[in-house]
Amino acid sequence: MQLSEYKNIFDNEEHHFFYVGNRLVILNLVKKYTQGKKSLNILDAGCGTGMLAKKLQTIGRVTGVDISPEAIKYAQQRDVQARLASVTELPFKDNTFDLIVSIDVLYHQLVNNDLKAISEFKRVLKPRGVLILKVPAYNWLRGSHDIVVHTKHRYTANELKQLTTKTGLKILKASYFASFLLPLAIVKRLIESVMRPKHAGSDVSSPPYFLNTLIVALYKLESFLLNFVNIPFGLSALVVAQKPQATKYPLVKSAVKTSPKTKNKK
């Protein structure tokens, strides 16, 4: 991500509809799939400038990691315990966290192996721990903003589901959201393809108050709907998964070999 974009995100993250809406959806899923438990040990994997991690502090002890020193600097300004690390090489012991959230991370160019990253999430999750992944949707929707934030790949919900399943995690939910923004994003990308701006620009800028409030309300509606249904399309794709319960007594192959049958003597 361009360094200037971290400052842009930090300045807009508290009020901009995109970030407010994403937090509404993610925090609602956290509440549902952790059954409202408190005192959780939580990892924000790719914490960025730290606003989501800050909100998660109300339900547990939160650790953030990010590969960008610039992101860590801003996260620490929000009093988030953040450390420099890659999601493909997490500096934590096995079975450490009750909950892991990773929001708009796997899509990035610096994540050179998304399957390895999800495998690392599984490793550091406790048995029955919950993972929430969210990524930008549809690779055909790439545009100017993707250049600014260094997008490697945009996912379908099914792609994200299949990747997660490969690691042995159990899928609890796979869906899209921000469906109401998808038509606007398509129009914007079509305009970009025709106008071909000389310089890539971020999609993040301060919208009018009324528009911002309206879109946040639509996010609230979708967040409520996600409690009951999966949304078939949208600007973002998400997966909620759970690490299976560990076997109490692991199976051990018997060291005793069965002796071959002896032939009957005449």
Protein backbone atom coordinates (compact mmCIF):
# COMPACT_ATOMS: atom_id res chain seq x y z
CA MET A 1 0.00 0.00 0.00
CA GLN A 2 1.25 3.50 -0.76
CA LEU A 3 2.44 5.16 2.47
CA SER A 4 0.13 8.15 1.94
CA GLU A 5 -2.87 5.79 2.02
CA TYR A 6 -2.19 4.81 5.64
CA LYS A 7 -2.62 8.45 6.67
CA ASN A 8 -5.75 8.65 4.51
CA ILE A 9 -7.21 5.55 6.18
CA PHE A 10 -6.26 6.73 9.68
CA ASP A 11 -8.00 10.07 9.09
CA ASN A 12 -11.18 8.49 7.66
CA GLU A 13 -11.43 5.18 9.51
CA GLU A 14 -13.54 6.41 12.41
CA HIS A 15 -16.38 7.96 10.37
CA HIS A 16 -16.22 6.88 6.70
CA PHE A 17 -19.11 4.59 5.71
CA PHE A 18 -16.80 1.90 4.31
CA TYR A 19 -14.91 1.40 7.56
CA VAL A 20 -17.90 1.95 9.84
CA GLY A 21 -19.96 -0.48 7.76
CA ASN A 22 -17.25 -3.13 7.73
CA ARG A 23 -16.91 -2.90 11.51
CA LEU A 24 -20.68 -3.23 11.93
CA VAL A 25 -20.67 -6.45 9.91
CA ILE A 26 -17.54 -7.94 11.49
CA LEU A 27 -18.47 -7.09 15.09
CA ASN A 28 -21.94 -8.52 14.59
CA LEU A 29 -20.43 -11.77 13.27
CA VAL A 30 -18.00 -11.83 16.20
CA LYS A 31 -20.90 -11.51 18.64
CA LYS A 32 -22.88 -14.26 16.91
CA TYR A 33 -20.12 -16.84 16.49
CA THR A 34 -18.43 -16.31 19.86
CA GLN A 35 -21.87 -16.34 21.53
CA GLY A 36 -21.21 -13.05 23.25
CA LYS A 37 -18.32 -14.41 25.32
CA LYS A 38 -15.96 -11.97 27.01
CA SER A 39 -12.27 -12.16 27.96
CA LEU A 40 -11.32 -13.64 24.61
CA ASN A 41 -7.75 -13.78 23.38
CA ILE A 42 -8.00 -12.09 19.97
CA LEU A 43 -5.66 -11.64 17.02
CA ASP A 44 -6.24 -8.95 14.41
CA ALA A 45 -4.10 -10.37 11.60
CA GLY A 46 -3.24 -7.42 9.39
CA CYS A 47 -4.54 -4.79 11.80
CA GLY A 48 -3.76 -1.78 9.57
CA THR A 49 -4.20 1.49 11.42
CA GLY A 50 -5.99 -0.25 14.28
CA MET A 51 -9.59 0.94 14.56
CA LEU A 52 -11.16 -2.55 14.43
CA ALA A 53 -8.64 -3.83 16.97
CA LYS A 54 -9.56 -0.90 19.21
CA LYS A 55 -13.27 -1.83 19.03
CA LEU A 56 -12.50 -5.50 19.75
CA GLN A 57 -10.84 -4.53 23.03
CA THR A 58 -14.32 -4.40 24.60
CA ILE A 59 -14.59 -8.20 24.42
CA GLY A 60 -11.04 -9.37 25.09
CA ARG A 61 -7.31 -8.89 24.94
CA VAL A 62 -6.35 -7.90 21.41
CA THR A 63 -3.01 -8.32 19.67
CA GLY A 64 -2.51 -6.80 16.24
CA VAL A 65 0.09 -7.74 13.65
CA ASP A 66 0.91 -6.03 10.38
CA ILE A 67 3.78 -6.23 7.92
CA SER A 68 3.91 -2.45 7.53
CA PRO A 69 5.83 -0.32 10.08
CA GLU A 70 3.64 2.62 9.00
CA ALA A 71 0.47 0.69 9.95
CA ILE A 72 1.98 -0.32 13.29
CA LYS A 73 2.81 3.33 14.03
CA TYR A 74 -0.80 4.41 13.51
CA ALA A 75 -2.26 1.40 15.37
CA GLN A 76 -0.12 2.16 18.40
CA GLN A 77 -1.47 5.72 18.37
CA ARG A 78 -4.85 4.11 19.06
CA ASP A 79 -3.35 2.23 22.05
CA VAL A 80 -3.45 -1.08 20.20
CA GLN A 81 -0.82 -3.66 21.10
CA ALA A 82 0.57 -4.16 17.61
CA ARG A 83 3.73 -5.83 16.40
CA LEU A 84 5.50 -6.20 13.08
CA ALA A 85 4.91 -9.63 11.53
CA SER A 86 3.72 -11.38 8.38
CA VAL A 87 0.47 -13.35 8.38
CA THR A 88 2.37 -16.20 6.70
CA GLU A 89 4.81 -16.45 9.65
CA LEU A 90 2.95 -15.58 12.84
CA PRO A 91 5.19 -15.25 15.93
CA PHE A 92 2.81 -17.11 18.26
CA LYS A 93 2.57 -20.59 19.75
CA ASP A 94 0.04 -23.15 18.55
CA ASN A 95 -3.48 -22.90 20.01
CA THR A 96 -3.11 -19.33 21.33
CA PHE A 97 -6.20 -17.39 20.20
CA ASP A 98 -9.96 -17.79 20.70
CA LEU A 99 -10.72 -15.49 17.77
CA ILE A 100 -8.82 -14.31 14.71
CA VAL A 101 -10.07 -11.59 12.38
CA SER A 102 -8.25 -10.81 9.14
CA ILE A 103 -9.88 -8.00 7.21
CA ASP A 104 -8.72 -7.06 3.70
CA VAL A 105 -5.34 -8.74 4.07
CA LEU A 106 -5.15 -11.90 1.93
CA TYR A 107 -5.71 -9.90 -1.26
CA HIS A 108 -2.47 -7.91 -0.82
CA GLN A 109 0.66 -8.32 -2.96
CA LEU A 110 2.81 -8.82 0.16
CA VAL A 111 0.84 -11.96 1.07
CA ASN A 112 2.74 -14.29 -1.25
CA ASN A 113 0.83 -17.43 -0.21
CA ASP A 114 -2.78 -17.03 0.93
CA LEU A 115 -3.17 -20.74 1.71
CA LYS A 116 -0.13 -20.61 3.99
CA ALA A 117 -1.59 -17.58 5.75
CA ILE A 118 -4.87 -19.39 6.46
CA SER A 119 -2.89 -22.44 7.64
CA GLU A 120 -1.05 -20.15 10.07
CA PHE A 121 -4.39 -18.82 11.33
CA LYS A 122 -5.50 -22.39 11.96
CA ARG A 123 -2.25 -23.23 13.77
CA VAL A 124 -2.52 -20.40 16.28
CA LEU A 125 -6.28 -20.81 16.82
CA LYS A 126 -7.41 -22.77 19.84
CA PRO A 127 -9.60 -25.82 19.19
CA ARG A 128 -13.12 -24.52 18.50
CA GLY A 129 -11.64 -21.07 17.94
CA VAL A 130 -13.28 -18.86 15.28
CA LEU A 131 -11.70 -17.26 12.21
CA ILE A 132 -13.34 -14.39 10.30
CA LEU A 133 -11.86 -13.55 6.90
CA LYS A 134 -12.97 -10.65 4.72
CA VAL A 135 -11.57 -9.66 1.30
CA PRO A 136 -12.55 -7.46 -1.66
CA ALA A 137 -14.73 -9.33 -4.14
CA TYR A 138 -14.41 -10.11 -7.87
CA ASN A 139 -11.10 -9.83 -9.67
CA TRP A 140 -12.88 -8.33 -12.70
CA LEU A 141 -13.70 -5.33 -10.49
CA ARG A 142 -10.06 -4.24 -10.22
CA GLY A 143 -9.58 -0.51 -10.68
CA SER A 144 -7.58 2.57 -9.75
CA HIS A 145 -8.00 1.98 -6.02
CA ASP A 146 -6.45 -1.49 -6.35
CA ILE A 147 -3.27 0.08 -7.71
CA VAL A 148 -3.04 2.40 -4.70
CA VAL A 149 -3.57 -0.40 -2.14
CA HIS A 150 -1.41 -2.94 -4.03
CA THR A 151 -4.09 -5.53 -4.73
CA LYS A 152 -2.84 -8.92 -5.91
CA HIS A 153 -6.21 -10.65 -6.25
CA ARG A 154 -9.88 -10.05 -5.51
CA TYR A 155 -11.84 -13.15 -4.49
CA THR A 156 -15.19 -14.77 -4.97
CA ALA A 157 -16.84 -16.12 -1.83
CA ASN A 158 -16.46 -19.63 -3.22
CA GLU A 159 -12.70 -19.16 -3.77
CA LEU A 160 -12.30 -18.00 -0.18
CA LYS A 161 -14.41 -20.91 1.07
CA GLN A 162 -12.38 -23.49 -0.88
CA LEU A 163 -9.05 -22.05 0.34
CA THR A 164 -10.22 -22.17 3.94
CA THR A 165 -11.58 -25.70 3.61
CA LYS A 166 -8.20 -26.93 2.33
CA THR A 167 -6.64 -26.15 5.72
CA GLY A 168 -9.12 -28.36 7.57
CA LEU A 169 -11.15 -25.53 9.07
CA LYS A 170 -14.92 -26.00 9.25
CA ILE A 171 -16.93 -23.41 7.31
CA LEU A 172 -19.70 -21.80 9.35
CA LYS A 173 -20.62 -19.08 6.86
CA ALA A 174 -19.59 -17.91 3.38
CA SER A 175 -21.24 -14.83 1.95
CA TYR A 176 -20.92 -11.48 0.21
CA PHE A 177 -21.97 -8.15 1.66
CA ALA A 178 -22.14 -4.46 0.66
CA SER A 179 -24.41 -5.55 -2.19
CA PHE A 180 -25.86 -2.03 -2.49
CA LEU A 181 -22.41 -0.64 -3.33
CA LEU A 182 -21.66 -3.13 -6.11
CA PRO A 183 -23.58 -1.29 -8.90
CA LEU A 184 -21.85 1.98 -7.99
CA ALA A 185 -18.45 0.28 -8.03
CA ILE A 186 -19.15 -1.25 -11.45
CA VAL A 187 -20.12 2.16 -12.89
CA LYS A 188 -17.00 3.75 -11.40
CA ARG A 189 -14.75 1.07 -12.88
CA LEU A 190 -16.41 1.46 -16.30
CA ILE A 191 -15.82 5.23 -16.20
CA GLU A 192 -12.18 4.60 -15.24
CA SER A 193 -11.75 2.21 -18.17
CA VAL A 194 -13.05 4.85 -20.59
CA MET A 195 -11.43 7.95 -19.08
CA ARG A 196 -8.13 6.20 -18.23
CA PRO A 197 -6.86 8.60 -15.54
CA LYS A 198 -3.12 9.29 -15.64
CA HIS A 199 -2.70 8.76 -11.91
CA ALA A 200 -4.26 6.05 -9.74
CA GLY A 201 -6.47 7.38 -6.97
CA SER A 202 -7.93 6.01 -3.76
CA ASP A 203 -11.67 5.36 -3.38
CA VAL A 204 -11.42 6.65 0.21
CA SER A 205 -12.47 10.29 0.57
CA SER A 206 -14.89 12.14 2.84
CA PRO A 207 -18.45 11.81 1.43
CA PRO A 208 -21.31 14.23 2.18
CA TYR A 209 -22.79 13.68 5.65
CA PHE A 210 -26.23 12.63 4.38
CA LEU A 211 -24.80 10.09 1.94
CA ASN A 212 -22.43 8.71 4.55
CA THR A 213 -25.29 8.29 7.05
CA LEU A 214 -27.52 6.59 4.47
CA ILE A 215 -24.87 4.05 3.46
CA VAL A 216 -24.07 3.24 7.10
CA ALA A 217 -27.79 2.54 7.61
CA LEU A 218 -27.72 0.12 4.65
CA TYR A 219 -24.70 -1.62 6.17
CA LYS A 220 -26.68 -1.99 9.42
CA LEU A 221 -29.51 -3.63 7.49
CA GLU A 222 -27.16 -6.08 5.77
CA SER A 223 -25.44 -6.82 9.05
CA PHE A 224 -28.82 -7.82 10.48
CA LEU A 225 -29.68 -9.94 7.42
CA LEU A 226 -26.38 -11.82 7.64
CA ASN A 227 -27.63 -13.34 10.90
CA PHE A 228 -30.13 -15.34 8.85
CA VAL A 229 -29.03 -15.59 5.21
CA ASN A 230 -26.01 -15.49 2.90
CA ILE A 231 -26.01 -12.59 0.46
CA PRO A 232 -25.38 -13.77 -3.14
CA PHE A 233 -23.30 -10.79 -4.36
CA GLY A 234 -21.55 -7.73 -3.02
CA LEU A 235 -18.44 -5.60 -2.94
CA SER A 236 -16.86 -7.79 -0.23
CA ALA A 237 -16.61 -11.53 0.38
CA LEU A 238 -16.35 -13.16 3.79
CA VAL A 239 -15.92 -16.52 5.45
CA VAL A 240 -16.46 -17.54 9.06
CA ALA A 241 -14.70 -20.79 10.00
CA GLN A 242 -13.94 -22.82 13.10
CA LYS A 243 -11.02 -24.99 14.13
CA PRO A 244 -12.17 -28.54 14.94
CA GLN A 245 -12.04 -29.77 18.50
CA ALA A 246 -8.77 -31.61 19.19
CA THR A 247 -9.03 -35.36 19.71
CA LYS A 248 -8.61 -36.07 23.41
CA TYR A 249 -6.87 -39.37 22.86
CA PRO A 250 -5.00 -39.41 19.51
CA LEU A 251 -5.11 -42.63 17.61
CA VAL A 252 -1.90 -44.65 17.80
CA LYS A 253 -1.19 -47.47 15.42
CA SER A 254 -0.65 -50.76 17.19
CA ALA A 255 2.98 -51.89 17.35
CA VAL A 256 1.90 -55.54 17.53
CA LYS A 257 1.92 -57.22 14.17
CA THR A 258 -0.60 -59.89 13.40
CA SER A 259 1.20 -63.15 12.92
CA PRO A 260 0.59 -64.93 9.63
CA LYS A 261 -1.70 -67.91 9.66
CA THR A 262 0.15 -71.18 9.93
CA LYS A 263 -0.61 -73.99 7.55
CA ASN A 264 -2.27 -77.06 8.97
CA LYS A 265 0.16 -79.94 9.31
CA LYS A 266 -0.95 -83.25 7.95
